[in-house]
Protein backbone atom coordinates (compact mmCIF):
# COMPACT_ATOMS: atom_id res chain seq x y z
CA MET A 1 -75.92 -24.12 -34.76
CA SER A 2 -73.30 -26.87 -35.18
CA LEU A 3 -72.40 -29.32 -32.41
CA LEU A 4 -69.13 -27.48 -31.73
CA GLU A 5 -70.89 -24.11 -31.60
CA LYS A 6 -73.37 -25.59 -29.11
CA GLU A 7 -70.49 -26.84 -26.96
CA LEU A 8 -68.79 -23.44 -27.09
CA SER A 9 -72.02 -21.69 -26.14
CA ASP A 10 -72.59 -24.07 -23.24
CA VAL A 11 -69.25 -23.03 -21.75
CA LEU A 12 -70.16 -19.35 -22.05
CA GLU A 13 -73.43 -20.00 -20.23
CA LYS A 14 -71.55 -21.83 -17.46
CA VAL A 15 -69.37 -18.74 -16.96
CA GLN A 16 -72.37 -16.43 -16.88
CA ASN A 17 -74.35 -18.68 -14.52
CA THR A 18 -71.59 -19.59 -12.04
CA LYS A 19 -69.59 -16.31 -12.01
CA PRO A 20 -66.25 -18.03 -11.29
CA LEU A 21 -63.64 -16.36 -9.11
CA VAL A 22 -60.51 -15.64 -11.15
CA HIS A 23 -57.35 -14.89 -9.16
CA ASN A 24 -55.21 -12.54 -11.24
CA MET A 25 -51.54 -11.91 -10.52
CA THR A 26 -51.19 -9.50 -13.39
CA ASN A 27 -49.29 -6.35 -14.29
CA VAL A 28 -49.85 -2.80 -13.08
CA VAL A 29 -50.69 -1.49 -16.56
CA VAL A 30 -53.82 -3.61 -17.01
CA THR A 31 -55.26 -4.29 -13.55
CA ASN A 32 -58.31 -2.02 -13.85
CA PHE A 33 -59.16 -3.05 -17.41
CA THR A 34 -58.80 -6.72 -16.52
CA ALA A 35 -61.13 -6.41 -13.55
CA ASN A 36 -63.72 -4.48 -15.56
CA GLY A 37 -63.54 -6.97 -18.42
CA LEU A 38 -64.07 -9.96 -16.13
CA TYR A 39 -66.98 -8.24 -14.41
CA ALA A 40 -68.52 -7.46 -17.81
CA LEU A 41 -68.18 -11.10 -18.85
CA GLY A 42 -69.91 -12.24 -15.67
CA ALA A 43 -66.89 -13.55 -13.76
CA SER A 44 -65.59 -12.37 -10.38
CA PRO A 45 -62.04 -10.95 -10.42
CA VAL A 46 -59.68 -10.77 -7.50
CA MET A 47 -56.19 -9.27 -7.57
CA ALA A 48 -53.95 -10.64 -4.82
CA TYR A 49 -50.15 -10.41 -4.88
CA ALA A 50 -48.83 -10.54 -1.31
CA PRO A 51 -46.89 -13.74 -0.59
CA GLU A 52 -48.65 -13.91 2.78
CA GLU A 53 -52.02 -14.57 1.10
CA VAL A 54 -51.58 -15.79 -2.46
CA ALA A 55 -51.63 -19.49 -1.56
CA ASP A 56 -54.87 -19.08 0.39
CA MET A 57 -56.46 -17.05 -2.40
CA ALA A 58 -55.40 -19.44 -5.15
CA LYS A 59 -56.90 -22.48 -3.46
CA ILE A 60 -60.39 -20.95 -3.31
CA ALA A 61 -60.34 -19.53 -6.86
CA GLY A 62 -61.79 -21.12 -9.96
CA ALA A 63 -58.60 -20.31 -11.89
CA LEU A 64 -55.24 -18.63 -11.31
CA VAL A 65 -53.81 -16.32 -13.99
CA LEU A 66 -50.08 -15.46 -13.90
CA ASN A 67 -49.05 -12.50 -16.06
CA ILE A 68 -45.41 -11.33 -16.12
CA GLY A 69 -46.00 -7.97 -17.78
CA THR A 70 -44.37 -5.96 -14.99
CA LEU A 71 -42.29 -8.41 -13.04
CA SER A 72 -39.70 -8.66 -10.29
CA THR A 73 -38.10 -11.61 -8.58
CA PRO A 74 -40.34 -11.29 -5.48
CA GLN A 75 -43.40 -11.23 -7.75
CA VAL A 76 -42.29 -14.39 -9.52
CA ASP A 77 -41.65 -16.04 -6.13
CA ALA A 78 -45.21 -15.15 -5.10
CA MET A 79 -46.57 -16.49 -8.39
CA ILE A 80 -44.89 -19.82 -7.75
CA LEU A 81 -46.34 -19.96 -4.22
CA ALA A 82 -49.79 -19.33 -5.67
CA GLY A 83 -49.25 -21.79 -8.50
CA ARG A 84 -48.20 -24.60 -6.21
CA SER A 85 -51.26 -24.01 -4.05
CA ALA A 86 -53.49 -24.03 -7.12
CA ASN A 87 -51.90 -27.28 -8.28
CA ALA A 88 -52.46 -28.87 -4.87
CA HIS A 89 -56.14 -27.93 -4.91
CA GLY A 90 -56.99 -28.78 -8.52
CA VAL A 91 -57.25 -25.16 -9.68
CA PRO A 92 -56.20 -24.54 -13.32
CA VAL A 93 -53.22 -22.22 -13.78
CA LEU A 94 -52.84 -20.00 -16.87
CA LEU A 95 -49.63 -18.24 -17.87
CA ASP A 96 -49.29 -15.09 -19.98
CA PRO A 97 -45.54 -14.84 -20.74
CA VAL A 98 -45.67 -11.13 -21.65
CA GLY A 99 -42.52 -10.09 -23.49
CA ALA A 100 -40.75 -13.45 -23.21
CA GLY A 101 -37.77 -13.12 -25.51
CA ALA A 102 -37.45 -9.36 -25.05
CA THR A 103 -35.03 -9.79 -22.13
CA ALA A 104 -33.29 -12.78 -20.60
CA PHE A 105 -35.00 -12.06 -17.25
CA ARG A 106 -38.47 -12.25 -18.77
CA THR A 107 -37.73 -15.46 -20.60
CA GLU A 108 -36.15 -17.13 -17.59
CA SER A 109 -38.98 -16.00 -15.30
CA ALA A 110 -41.56 -17.58 -17.59
CA LEU A 111 -39.51 -20.78 -17.88
CA ARG A 112 -39.04 -20.90 -14.11
CA ILE A 113 -42.81 -20.75 -13.60
CA LEU A 114 -43.27 -23.53 -16.16
CA ARG A 115 -40.65 -25.65 -14.37
CA GLU A 116 -42.03 -25.18 -10.87
CA VAL A 117 -45.79 -25.00 -11.51
CA LYS A 118 -48.06 -27.26 -13.55
CA VAL A 119 -49.51 -24.77 -16.04
CA SER A 120 -52.80 -25.74 -17.67
CA LEU A 121 -52.79 -23.20 -20.51
CA VAL A 122 -50.27 -20.75 -21.95
CA ARG A 123 -51.46 -17.82 -24.08
CA GLY A 124 -49.10 -15.53 -25.95
CA ASN A 125 -48.15 -14.17 -29.32
CA ALA A 126 -45.98 -16.21 -31.68
CA ALA A 127 -42.68 -14.68 -30.58
CA GLU A 128 -43.38 -15.21 -26.88
CA ILE A 129 -44.36 -18.84 -27.39
CA ALA A 130 -41.37 -19.47 -29.66
CA HIS A 131 -38.93 -18.22 -27.04
CA LEU A 132 -40.44 -20.56 -24.45
CA VAL A 133 -39.35 -23.53 -26.57
CA GLY A 134 -35.95 -22.15 -27.53
CA GLU A 135 -36.85 -20.79 -30.94
CA SER A 136 -36.06 -17.30 -32.16
CA ARG A 137 -38.74 -14.91 -33.39
CA GLU A 138 -38.50 -11.16 -33.80
CA ILE A 139 -39.90 -9.29 -30.81
CA LYS A 140 -39.90 -5.61 -29.87
CA GLY A 141 -40.79 -4.78 -26.29
CA VAL A 142 -43.89 -6.82 -25.51
CA ASP A 143 -45.15 -6.76 -29.11
CA ALA A 144 -44.30 -9.15 -31.90
CA GLY A 145 -44.77 -9.85 -35.55
CA ASP A 146 -47.87 -11.82 -36.48
CA THR A 147 -48.17 -15.26 -37.97
CA ALA A 148 -51.23 -17.25 -38.93
CA GLY A 149 -52.46 -20.57 -40.20
CA ALA A 150 -50.16 -23.55 -40.60
CA GLU A 151 -47.03 -21.76 -39.36
CA SER A 152 -48.68 -20.85 -36.05
CA ALA A 153 -50.24 -24.30 -35.83
CA ASP A 154 -46.86 -25.99 -36.17
CA LEU A 155 -45.35 -23.75 -33.49
CA ALA A 156 -48.31 -24.17 -31.16
CA VAL A 157 -48.24 -27.96 -31.44
CA ARG A 158 -44.47 -28.07 -30.81
CA ALA A 159 -44.92 -25.85 -27.77
CA ALA A 160 -47.89 -27.79 -26.39
CA ARG A 161 -45.93 -31.02 -26.61
CA ALA A 162 -42.73 -29.56 -25.20
CA LEU A 163 -44.45 -27.75 -22.32
CA ASN A 164 -47.13 -30.41 -21.73
CA THR A 165 -49.93 -27.87 -21.71
CA VAL A 166 -52.62 -26.33 -23.89
CA VAL A 167 -51.14 -23.50 -25.95
CA ALA A 168 -52.97 -20.57 -27.55
CA ILE A 169 -51.14 -18.32 -30.00
CA THR A 170 -53.07 -15.15 -30.73
CA GLY A 171 -52.76 -12.83 -33.71
CA ARG A 172 -54.75 -12.04 -36.86
CA GLU A 173 -56.20 -15.49 -36.31
CA ASP A 174 -55.83 -17.43 -33.09
CA VAL A 175 -54.54 -21.00 -32.87
CA ILE A 176 -55.16 -23.27 -29.90
CA THR A 177 -53.99 -26.85 -29.40
CA ASP A 178 -53.43 -29.54 -26.80
CA GLY A 179 -50.67 -31.03 -28.96
CA LEU A 180 -53.06 -33.39 -30.74
CA GLN A 181 -56.13 -31.43 -31.81
CA CYS A 182 -55.62 -27.96 -33.26
CA ARG A 183 -58.16 -25.22 -33.98
CA ILE A 184 -58.06 -21.83 -35.69
CA VAL A 185 -60.34 -19.15 -34.27
CA SER A 186 -61.13 -16.12 -36.41
CA GLY A 187 -62.79 -12.95 -35.22
CA GLY A 188 -61.72 -9.86 -33.35
CA ASP A 189 -60.59 -6.62 -34.92
CA ALA A 190 -57.38 -4.65 -35.42
CA LEU A 191 -58.64 -2.09 -32.89
CA LEU A 192 -57.74 -4.60 -30.19
CA THR A 193 -54.08 -3.76 -30.86
CA GLN A 194 -54.72 -0.08 -30.09
CA VAL A 195 -56.01 -0.64 -26.55
CA THR A 196 -53.52 -1.52 -23.81
CA GLY A 197 -54.26 -4.75 -22.03
CA THR A 198 -56.55 -6.55 -24.45
CA GLY A 199 -54.20 -9.53 -24.66
CA CYS A 200 -53.79 -9.63 -20.90
CA LEU A 201 -57.55 -9.45 -20.41
CA LEU A 202 -57.96 -12.28 -22.90
CA THR A 203 -55.78 -14.57 -20.80
CA SER A 204 -57.88 -13.75 -17.73
CA VAL A 205 -61.06 -14.37 -19.74
CA LEU A 206 -59.64 -17.77 -20.71
CA GLY A 207 -59.14 -18.31 -16.99
CA ALA A 208 -62.85 -17.74 -16.40
CA PHE A 209 -63.70 -20.31 -19.07
CA ALA A 210 -61.14 -22.79 -17.71
CA ALA A 211 -62.68 -22.39 -14.26
CA VAL A 212 -65.98 -23.90 -15.42
CA GLU A 213 -64.88 -26.43 -18.07
CA ARG A 214 -62.41 -29.25 -17.41
CA ASP A 215 -61.76 -29.80 -21.13
CA LEU A 216 -59.22 -27.00 -21.47
CA LEU A 217 -59.08 -27.16 -25.25
CA LEU A 218 -62.84 -26.62 -25.36
CA ALA A 219 -62.67 -23.93 -22.66
CA GLY A 220 -59.91 -22.08 -24.48
CA THR A 221 -61.62 -22.33 -27.85
CA SER A 222 -64.84 -20.96 -26.39
CA GLY A 223 -63.05 -18.09 -24.67
CA LEU A 224 -61.15 -17.12 -27.80
CA ALA A 225 -64.24 -17.28 -29.99
CA PHE A 226 -66.54 -15.24 -27.76
CA TYR A 227 -63.82 -12.70 -26.99
CA GLY A 228 -63.27 -12.25 -30.73
CA ALA A 229 -67.00 -11.94 -31.34
CA ALA A 230 -67.31 -9.21 -28.70
CA ALA A 231 -64.43 -7.30 -30.29
CA SER A 232 -65.91 -7.65 -33.77
CA ARG A 233 -69.28 -6.39 -32.59
CA ALA A 234 -67.69 -3.45 -30.76
CA ALA A 235 -65.66 -2.51 -33.83
CA GLU A 236 -68.77 -2.43 -35.99
CA ARG A 237 -70.25 0.15 -33.62
CA THR A 238 -67.18 2.36 -33.15
CA ALA A 239 -64.75 1.95 -36.06
CA ALA A 240 -65.17 5.57 -37.10
CA ALA A 241 -64.78 6.88 -33.55
CA GLY A 242 -61.43 5.34 -32.59
CA PRO A 243 -59.88 3.15 -29.88
CA GLY A 244 -61.25 5.02 -26.87
CA SER A 245 -64.84 4.47 -27.92
CA PHE A 246 -63.97 0.91 -28.96
CA GLN A 247 -62.66 0.10 -25.49
CA ILE A 248 -65.93 1.08 -23.82
CA ALA A 249 -68.03 -0.63 -26.49
CA PHE A 250 -65.92 -3.77 -26.10
CA LEU A 251 -66.71 -3.98 -22.38
CA ASP A 252 -70.39 -3.49 -23.25
CA GLU A 253 -70.25 -6.30 -25.79
CA LEU A 254 -68.57 -8.66 -23.33
CA ALA A 255 -71.52 -8.02 -21.04
CA LYS A 256 -74.02 -8.71 -23.83
CA LEU A 257 -72.56 -12.02 -25.04
CA HIS A 258 -75.10 -14.78 -25.63
CA PRO A 259 -75.05 -18.20 -27.33
CA HIS A 260 -75.68 -16.75 -30.80
CA SER A 261 -73.05 -13.98 -30.58
CA LEU A 262 -70.61 -15.95 -32.72
CA LYS A 263 -72.79 -15.81 -35.84
CA GLY A 264 -71.15 -13.51 -38.36
CA HIS A 265 -68.50 -12.39 -35.88
CA ALA A 266 -66.28 -15.38 -35.07
CA ALA A 267 -65.65 -18.85 -36.45
CA VAL A 268 -63.72 -21.96 -35.46
CA ARG A 269 -62.03 -24.33 -37.91
CA GLU A 270 -60.47 -27.67 -37.09
CA MET A 271 -56.94 -28.40 -38.30
CA GLN A 272 -55.58 -31.89 -38.78
CA ALA A 273 -52.06 -32.97 -39.64
CA THR A 274 -51.95 -34.61 -43.10
CA GLY A 275 -49.17 -37.03 -42.23
CA THR A 276 -46.94 -35.48 -44.91
CA GLY A 277 -45.84 -32.46 -42.89
CA GLY A 278 -48.79 -30.28 -43.85
CA TRP A 279 -52.19 -29.34 -42.47
CA TRP A 280 -55.76 -29.87 -43.59
CA VAL A 281 -58.22 -27.23 -42.46
CA GLY A 282 -61.85 -28.20 -41.98
C-alpha cells in the first residue's frame, strides 16, 4: 500500500469509527437513498429543512450538504441560514449545484449560495461546474456530457481558484483539486448512471469524509476513491442482473468497505501542471 493509499484508508477508518453526523438539505427524489447510503457507509444522516431549526442543526453536525436538485426560493433561504451557522461554528459546507446551467434560476441559486456562504467543497458534473464560472457547456435537465483528463482538470482548477474552494468534477473519471494540487480518481461503473441519486449520495458521502478530515483535498479524494471502489465491486456482482440489483449491492458494498477495498477497483493519480499549458499525470 502506497503512502497516499494509507492516507486515504485512514480517512475511511475515521468515518467508520466516529460515525459523523451529516446534515443534508437535499432534494425530494434522493432523500431515502441518501440516508440509506450514509448509514451503510457508517455515517449518521439527518435531513432538516425548516428555517426554524436548520441553523441549530447545522452547528452540531460534522458537515452540511446543500443540494439544489428540487429547489424553491424559501429552500435556498433556509440553506443560507444553515450555511451561515455552519460557517460560524467551523462546520464544512458542501454544495451540489444540481442542474446549474439548465435554468437561470438554478444557476443563480447556486451562485447566491456561493456568494453568501463559505463553501468548502463543490461537487458536480463538468457542465454544472462550468456554468458556475460563467462558461458554457451542453446540459440537458440535470444531466450533462462527460469530460475527462486534462480538460476536466483545467476546468476544475479554474473553478477552484475562482470560487476559492475545493472542486470535484465527476464523470468517467473524477477530478478533484484545491486549485494547486489536482488528482484523477478512477473507479466506479456505468451502472451508477442508471440509478437515481448516486451523484447526490456521493456529495453527501464526501460530506462524511470532510467531517472527519480537515484536509479537504485528502477527504474528497478518499471519498471519491472508496465510493468508486464500492460501485465497481457491486457491478462485478450484478452486471448481468441490472440497475435494481446493482443499487442494493452498492449499498452492501458501501457497508463492507475496508482499507484494502481500493485494490483492483479504484486508483488515484496525481496531476501536475507542466508550465507550458499542459499536464503531467503521475
